N, C-alpha and C. Protein backbone atom coordinates (compact mmCIF):
# COMPACT_ATOMS: atom_id res chain seq x y z
N MET A 1 34.85 196.79 124.31
CA MET A 1 35.06 197.34 122.99
C MET A 1 36.28 196.71 122.35
N GLU A 2 36.19 196.66 121.05
CA GLU A 2 37.32 196.08 120.32
C GLU A 2 38.42 197.11 120.15
N GLU A 3 39.61 196.59 120.23
CA GLU A 3 40.75 197.49 120.01
C GLU A 3 40.95 197.69 118.51
N PRO A 4 41.32 198.89 118.14
CA PRO A 4 41.58 199.10 116.70
C PRO A 4 42.77 198.25 116.26
N GLU A 5 42.67 197.79 115.03
CA GLU A 5 43.73 196.92 114.52
C GLU A 5 45.01 197.72 114.33
N GLN A 6 46.09 197.14 114.84
CA GLN A 6 47.39 197.82 114.76
C GLN A 6 48.04 197.54 113.40
N PRO A 7 48.68 198.51 112.83
CA PRO A 7 49.41 198.24 111.58
C PRO A 7 50.58 197.29 111.87
N PRO A 8 50.97 196.51 110.87
CA PRO A 8 52.06 195.55 111.11
C PRO A 8 53.36 196.28 111.44
N THR A 9 54.09 195.67 112.34
CA THR A 9 55.36 196.28 112.74
C THR A 9 56.42 195.99 111.68
N THR A 10 57.55 196.65 111.83
CA THR A 10 58.65 196.45 110.88
C THR A 10 59.15 195.01 110.94
N ASP A 11 59.14 194.43 112.13
CA ASP A 11 59.59 193.05 112.30
C ASP A 11 58.65 192.08 111.57
N GLU A 12 57.37 192.31 111.68
CA GLU A 12 56.39 191.46 110.98
C GLU A 12 56.52 191.61 109.47
N LYS A 13 56.76 192.85 109.02
CA LYS A 13 56.94 193.07 107.58
C LYS A 13 58.19 192.36 107.08
N ALA A 14 59.24 192.39 107.88
CA ALA A 14 60.49 191.72 107.49
C ALA A 14 60.28 190.20 107.42
N LYS A 15 59.56 189.66 108.39
CA LYS A 15 59.28 188.22 108.37
C LYS A 15 58.47 187.85 107.13
N ALA A 16 57.48 188.65 106.81
CA ALA A 16 56.66 188.37 105.63
C ALA A 16 57.50 188.47 104.35
N ALA A 17 58.40 189.44 104.30
CA ALA A 17 59.25 189.60 103.12
C ALA A 17 60.20 188.40 102.97
N VAL A 18 60.74 187.93 104.09
CA VAL A 18 61.63 186.77 104.05
C VAL A 18 60.86 185.53 103.61
N GLN A 19 59.64 185.36 104.11
CA GLN A 19 58.83 184.21 103.70
C GLN A 19 58.50 184.28 102.21
N LEU A 20 58.18 185.47 101.73
CA LEU A 20 57.87 185.64 100.31
C LEU A 20 59.10 185.37 99.45
N ALA A 21 60.25 185.85 99.90
CA ALA A 21 61.49 185.60 99.16
C ALA A 21 61.83 184.11 99.15
N GLY A 22 61.61 183.44 100.28
CA GLY A 22 61.85 182.00 100.34
C GLY A 22 60.91 181.24 99.41
N LEU A 23 59.65 181.64 99.37
CA LEU A 23 58.69 181.01 98.48
C LEU A 23 59.07 181.23 97.02
N ALA A 24 59.50 182.44 96.70
CA ALA A 24 59.92 182.74 95.33
C ALA A 24 61.16 181.92 94.94
N ALA A 25 62.10 181.81 95.87
CA ALA A 25 63.30 181.02 95.59
C ALA A 25 62.95 179.55 95.41
N PHE A 26 62.07 179.03 96.25
CA PHE A 26 61.63 177.64 96.15
C PHE A 26 60.95 177.40 94.80
N ALA A 27 60.10 178.34 94.40
CA ALA A 27 59.41 178.21 93.12
C ALA A 27 60.40 178.27 91.95
N ALA A 28 61.39 179.14 92.05
CA ALA A 28 62.38 179.26 90.98
C ALA A 28 63.22 177.99 90.87
N VAL A 29 63.61 177.44 92.01
CA VAL A 29 64.38 176.18 92.00
C VAL A 29 63.52 175.05 91.45
N GLY A 30 62.27 175.00 91.86
CA GLY A 30 61.37 173.96 91.35
C GLY A 30 61.16 174.08 89.86
N LEU A 31 60.98 175.30 89.38
CA LEU A 31 60.80 175.52 87.94
C LEU A 31 62.07 175.15 87.18
N GLY A 32 63.20 175.54 87.72
CA GLY A 32 64.47 175.19 87.07
C GLY A 32 64.68 173.69 87.03
N ALA A 33 64.34 173.01 88.11
CA ALA A 33 64.47 171.55 88.13
C ALA A 33 63.53 170.90 87.13
N ALA A 34 62.32 171.42 87.04
CA ALA A 34 61.36 170.87 86.09
C ALA A 34 61.84 171.05 84.65
N ILE A 35 62.39 172.23 84.35
CA ILE A 35 62.92 172.49 83.01
C ILE A 35 64.10 171.56 82.72
N LEU A 36 64.98 171.40 83.71
CA LEU A 36 66.14 170.53 83.54
C LEU A 36 65.72 169.09 83.31
N VAL A 37 64.81 168.60 84.14
CA VAL A 37 64.35 167.21 83.99
C VAL A 37 63.61 167.03 82.66
N GLY A 38 62.78 168.00 82.31
CA GLY A 38 62.08 167.92 81.03
C GLY A 38 63.05 167.91 79.85
N GLY A 39 64.06 168.76 79.93
CA GLY A 39 65.07 168.78 78.87
C GLY A 39 65.83 167.47 78.79
N LEU A 40 66.17 166.91 79.94
CA LEU A 40 66.88 165.63 79.94
C LEU A 40 66.01 164.51 79.39
N LEU A 41 64.72 164.54 79.72
CA LEU A 41 63.81 163.52 79.19
C LEU A 41 63.66 163.66 77.68
N LEU A 42 63.58 164.89 77.19
CA LEU A 42 63.52 165.09 75.73
C LEU A 42 64.79 164.63 75.06
N LEU A 43 65.94 164.90 75.67
CA LEU A 43 67.21 164.44 75.13
C LEU A 43 67.26 162.91 75.10
N LEU A 44 66.80 162.28 76.18
CA LEU A 44 66.77 160.82 76.24
C LEU A 44 65.84 160.26 75.16
N LEU A 45 64.69 160.87 74.99
CA LEU A 45 63.76 160.43 73.96
C LEU A 45 64.40 160.56 72.57
N PHE A 46 65.09 161.68 72.33
CA PHE A 46 65.75 161.88 71.05
C PHE A 46 66.82 160.81 70.82
N VAL A 47 67.61 160.51 71.85
CA VAL A 47 68.66 159.50 71.72
C VAL A 47 68.05 158.13 71.44
N ILE A 48 66.97 157.80 72.14
CA ILE A 48 66.32 156.50 71.92
C ILE A 48 65.77 156.41 70.50
N VAL A 49 65.07 157.45 70.06
CA VAL A 49 64.49 157.43 68.71
C VAL A 49 65.59 157.41 67.66
N TRP A 50 66.63 158.23 67.84
CA TRP A 50 67.73 158.26 66.88
C TRP A 50 68.46 156.92 66.86
N GLY A 51 68.67 156.33 68.04
CA GLY A 51 69.34 155.03 68.11
C GLY A 51 68.53 153.95 67.43
N ALA A 52 67.22 153.94 67.67
CA ALA A 52 66.37 152.93 67.03
C ALA A 52 66.36 153.12 65.51
N TRP A 53 66.31 154.39 65.08
CA TRP A 53 66.33 154.67 63.64
C TRP A 53 67.65 154.22 63.03
N SER A 54 68.76 154.49 63.73
CA SER A 54 70.08 154.10 63.22
C SER A 54 70.20 152.58 63.15
N ILE A 55 69.75 151.91 64.20
CA ILE A 55 69.83 150.45 64.21
C ILE A 55 68.95 149.87 63.11
N SER A 56 67.78 150.48 62.90
CA SER A 56 66.90 149.96 61.85
C SER A 56 67.56 150.12 60.48
N TRP A 57 68.29 151.22 60.29
CA TRP A 57 68.99 151.38 59.02
C TRP A 57 70.16 150.42 58.89
N ILE A 58 70.89 150.20 59.99
CA ILE A 58 72.03 149.29 59.95
C ILE A 58 71.55 147.88 59.63
N ILE A 59 70.43 147.49 60.23
CA ILE A 59 69.89 146.15 59.97
C ILE A 59 69.07 146.14 58.69
N GLY A 60 68.28 147.16 58.48
CA GLY A 60 67.33 147.17 57.37
C GLY A 60 67.96 147.35 56.01
N LEU A 61 69.06 148.10 55.93
CA LEU A 61 69.66 148.36 54.62
C LEU A 61 70.20 147.08 53.96
N PRO A 62 70.98 146.26 54.65
CA PRO A 62 71.44 145.02 54.01
C PRO A 62 70.29 144.06 53.68
N VAL A 63 69.30 143.99 54.56
CA VAL A 63 68.16 143.11 54.31
C VAL A 63 67.41 143.58 53.07
N THR A 64 67.23 144.88 52.96
CA THR A 64 66.57 145.44 51.78
C THR A 64 67.39 145.17 50.52
N ALA A 65 68.70 145.30 50.63
CA ALA A 65 69.56 145.04 49.48
C ALA A 65 69.45 143.58 49.03
N VAL A 66 69.42 142.66 49.98
CA VAL A 66 69.29 141.23 49.64
C VAL A 66 67.94 140.96 48.99
N ILE A 67 66.88 141.55 49.54
CA ILE A 67 65.54 141.34 48.96
C ILE A 67 65.49 141.88 47.54
N VAL A 68 66.04 143.07 47.32
CA VAL A 68 66.05 143.66 45.98
C VAL A 68 66.88 142.79 45.03
N TYR A 69 68.01 142.27 45.50
CA TYR A 69 68.86 141.42 44.67
C TYR A 69 68.13 140.13 44.28
N VAL A 70 67.48 139.49 45.26
CA VAL A 70 66.75 138.24 44.98
C VAL A 70 65.60 138.50 44.02
N LEU A 71 64.87 139.59 44.24
CA LEU A 71 63.77 139.90 43.33
C LEU A 71 64.26 140.22 41.93
N SER A 72 65.37 140.93 41.82
CA SER A 72 65.90 141.23 40.49
C SER A 72 66.40 139.96 39.80
N CYS A 73 66.99 139.03 40.56
CA CYS A 73 67.42 137.76 39.98
C CYS A 73 66.21 136.95 39.51
N MET A 74 65.14 136.98 40.30
CA MET A 74 63.93 136.27 39.89
C MET A 74 63.34 136.91 38.63
N TRP A 75 63.41 138.22 38.56
CA TRP A 75 62.83 138.94 37.41
C TRP A 75 63.62 138.64 36.13
N THR A 76 64.93 138.61 36.24
CA THR A 76 65.77 138.39 35.05
C THR A 76 65.97 136.91 34.77
N GLY A 77 65.63 136.03 35.70
CA GLY A 77 65.79 134.60 35.48
C GLY A 77 67.15 134.07 35.87
N GLU A 78 68.01 134.89 36.46
CA GLU A 78 69.31 134.41 36.88
C GLU A 78 69.16 133.55 38.13
N ARG A 79 70.20 132.75 38.42
CA ARG A 79 70.19 131.96 39.63
C ARG A 79 70.75 132.81 40.77
N VAL A 80 70.18 132.65 41.92
CA VAL A 80 70.61 133.44 43.08
C VAL A 80 71.88 132.86 43.64
């Protein structure tokens, strides 16, 4: 005959609770790391996009000014 199943002992319950707490802590650390890495990647993306935009303005503004000046000189007939 089969023996009736014994309820878990206090020691087994404590082990299960420690394992569950460890799993929860591991998940929390993993989630925190993912949020941190994601935030850093977004910050890096922002810096790259902002830097490219700034460089394009630094280079593009004088070039645009020269093009506008040359076109206006051509329009008015002045010599460049």
